[in-house]
Amino acid sequence: MLSRSKGFLILILFAFLSLVAFAAAPQTFTGTVTDTMCGKKHMIQGKTDAECTRECMKSEGDWTYGLIVGDKVYSLAGDARQLEAIWLC
């Protein structure tokens, strides 16, 4: 039979491992592709949001592709060529 302290230690270990498992769970988001410079409000007059995003991404800067989900804009990280392939779909 387990002693009380060993049982408590096992319970704490189980709780910790459960938290780690939930924190590492992948998430799926559905939204609109954008750039993090413009975000939800595109600034190039006479261009669609998609055209504005493409133009912004052609220029050099600290911005990247983003994803608008509700009121939030998430930065997308990864290989730029793979992110650009999003536009070809």
C-alpha atoms as a PDB file:
ATOM      1  CA  MET A   1       0.000   0.000   0.000  1.00  0.00           C
ATOM      2  CA  LEU A   2       1.233   3.502  -0.824  1.00  0.00           C
ATOM      3  CA  SER A   3       2.113   5.838   1.961  1.00  0.00           C
ATOM      4  CA  ARG A   4       0.244   9.115   2.140  1.00  0.00           C
ATOM      5  CA  SER A   5       3.255  11.152   0.979  1.00  0.00           C
ATOM      6  CA  LYS A   6       3.865   8.883  -2.038  1.00  0.00           C
ATOM      7  CA  GLY A   7       0.202   9.105  -3.010  1.00  0.00           C
ATOM      8  CA  PHE A   8       0.306  12.886  -2.749  1.00  0.00           C
ATOM      9  CA  LEU A   9       3.483  12.989  -4.850  1.00  0.00           C
ATOM     10  CA  ILE A  10       1.861  10.839  -7.548  1.00  0.00           C
ATOM     11  CA  LEU A  11      -1.192  13.105  -7.545  1.00  0.00           C
ATOM     12  CA  ILE A  12       0.984  16.218  -7.977  1.00  0.00           C
ATOM     13  CA  LEU A  13       2.968  14.542 -10.779  1.00  0.00           C
ATOM     14  CA  PHE A  14      -0.243  13.520 -12.570  1.00  0.00           C
ATOM     15  CA  ALA A  15      -1.629  17.069 -12.302  1.00  0.00           C
ATOM     16  CA  PHE A  16       1.604  18.544 -13.674  1.00  0.00           C
ATOM     17  CA  LEU A  17       1.728  16.127 -16.615  1.00  0.00           C
ATOM     18  CA  SER A  18      -1.929  16.859 -17.408  1.00  0.00           C
ATOM     19  CA  LEU A  19      -1.224  20.601 -17.550  1.00  0.00           C
ATOM     20  CA  VAL A  20       1.767  20.058 -19.828  1.00  0.00           C
ATOM     21  CA  ALA A  21      -0.307  17.879 -22.166  1.00  0.00           C
ATOM     22  CA  PHE A  22      -3.073  20.479 -22.462  1.00  0.00           C
ATOM     23  CA  ALA A  23      -0.611  23.349 -22.955  1.00  0.00           C
ATOM     24  CA  ALA A  24       1.036  21.572 -25.884  1.00  0.00           C
ATOM     25  CA  ALA A  25      -2.218  20.706 -27.653  1.00  0.00           C
ATOM     26  CA  PRO A  26      -2.355  22.084 -31.216  1.00  0.00           C
ATOM     27  CA  GLN A  27      -4.968  24.681 -32.072  1.00  0.00           C
ATOM     28  CA  THR A  28      -6.688  25.328 -35.390  1.00  0.00           C
ATOM     29  CA  PHE A  29      -7.760  28.820 -36.416  1.00  0.00           C
ATOM     30  CA  THR A  30      -9.931  29.845 -39.353  1.00  0.00           C
ATOM     31  CA  GLY A  31      -9.680  33.403 -40.573  1.00  0.00           C
ATOM     32  CA  THR A  32      -8.495  35.797 -43.267  1.00  0.00           C
ATOM     33  CA  VAL A  33      -4.861  36.010 -44.345  1.00  0.00           C
ATOM     34  CA  THR A  34      -3.385  39.500 -44.036  1.00  0.00           C
ATOM     35  CA  ASP A  35      -0.066  41.165 -43.259  1.00  0.00           C
ATOM     36  CA  THR A  36       0.855  42.385 -39.791  1.00  0.00           C
ATOM     37  CA  MET A  37       1.668  45.878 -41.079  1.00  0.00           C
ATOM     38  CA  CYS A  38      -1.932  46.615 -42.127  1.00  0.00           C
ATOM     39  CA  GLY A  39      -3.709  44.081 -39.935  1.00  0.00           C
ATOM     40  CA  LYS A  40      -7.475  44.437 -40.275  1.00  0.00           C
ATOM     41  CA  LYS A  41      -7.405  47.829 -42.037  1.00  0.00           C
ATOM     42  CA  HIS A  42      -5.576  47.894 -45.355  1.00  0.00           C
ATOM     43  CA  MET A  43      -4.103  51.228 -46.392  1.00  0.00           C
ATOM     44  CA  ILE A  44      -3.407  51.091 -50.151  1.00  0.00           C
ATOM     45  CA  GLN A  45      -6.188  52.993 -51.887  1.00  0.00           C
ATOM     46  CA  GLY A  46      -7.789  51.324 -54.909  1.00  0.00           C
ATOM     47  CA  LYS A  47      -6.502  47.849 -54.020  1.00  0.00           C
ATOM     48  CA  THR A  48      -8.367  44.897 -52.575  1.00  0.00           C
ATOM     49  CA  ASP A  49      -7.283  43.571 -49.183  1.00  0.00           C
ATOM     50  CA  ALA A  50      -5.555  40.649 -50.936  1.00  0.00           C
ATOM     51  CA  GLU A  51      -3.696  42.966 -53.335  1.00  0.00           C
ATOM     52  CA  CYS A  52      -2.650  45.223 -50.464  1.00  0.00           C
ATOM     53  CA  THR A  53      -1.334  42.243 -48.508  1.00  0.00           C
ATOM     54  CA  ARG A  54       0.696  41.061 -51.508  1.00  0.00           C
ATOM     55  CA  GLU A  55       2.167  44.552 -52.033  1.00  0.00           C
ATOM     56  CA  CYS A  56       3.088  44.938 -48.364  1.00  0.00           C
ATOM     57  CA  MET A  57       4.766  41.529 -48.306  1.00  0.00           C
ATOM     58  CA  LYS A  58       6.868  42.401 -51.364  1.00  0.00           C
ATOM     59  CA  SER A  59       8.444  45.303 -49.482  1.00  0.00           C
ATOM     60  CA  GLU A  60      11.085  44.733 -46.828  1.00  0.00           C
ATOM     61  CA  GLY A  61      10.082  45.344 -43.235  1.00  0.00           C
ATOM     62  CA  ASP A  62       9.466  43.896 -39.790  1.00  0.00           C
ATOM     63  CA  TRP A  63       6.020  42.605 -40.732  1.00  0.00           C
ATOM     64  CA  THR A  64       4.961  39.122 -41.725  1.00  0.00           C
ATOM     65  CA  TYR A  65       1.859  37.328 -42.843  1.00  0.00           C
ATOM     66  CA  GLY A  66      -0.937  37.365 -40.318  1.00  0.00           C
ATOM     67  CA  LEU A  67      -4.309  35.764 -39.761  1.00  0.00           C
ATOM     68  CA  ILE A  68      -7.382  37.761 -38.742  1.00  0.00           C
ATOM     69  CA  VAL A  69      -9.598  35.743 -36.408  1.00  0.00           C
ATOM     70  CA  GLY A  70     -12.446  37.783 -34.965  1.00  0.00           C
ATOM     71  CA  ASP A  71     -10.924  40.929 -33.464  1.00  0.00           C
ATOM     72  CA  LYS A  72      -7.379  39.520 -33.216  1.00  0.00           C
ATOM     73  CA  VAL A  73      -4.510  39.447 -35.707  1.00  0.00           C
ATOM     74  CA  TYR A  74      -2.104  36.539 -35.240  1.00  0.00           C
ATOM     75  CA  SER A  75       1.405  36.609 -36.723  1.00  0.00           C
ATOM     76  CA  LEU A  76       2.207  33.593 -38.867  1.00  0.00           C
ATOM     77  CA  ALA A  77       5.707  32.159 -38.515  1.00  0.00           C
ATOM     78  CA  GLY A  78       7.424  29.811 -40.907  1.00  0.00           C
ATOM     79  CA  ASP A  79       9.065  29.592 -44.285  1.00  0.00           C
ATOM     80  CA  ALA A  80       8.014  32.614 -46.393  1.00  0.00           C
ATOM     81  CA  ARG A  81       7.693  30.446 -49.515  1.00  0.00           C
ATOM     82  CA  GLN A  82       5.239  28.155 -47.751  1.00  0.00           C
ATOM     83  CA  LEU A  83       3.252  31.127 -46.474  1.00  0.00           C
ATOM     84  CA  GLU A  84       3.152  32.640 -49.960  1.00  0.00           C
ATOM     85  CA  ALA A  85       1.702  29.359 -51.243  1.00  0.00           C
ATOM     86  CA  ILE A  86      -1.422  30.194 -49.233  1.00  0.00           C
ATOM     87  CA  TRP A  87      -2.246  32.792 -51.875  1.00  0.00           C
ATOM     88  CA  LEU A  88      -2.039  30.245 -54.664  1.00  0.00           C
ATOM     89  CA  CYS A  89      -4.814  28.078 -53.219  1.00  0.00           C
END
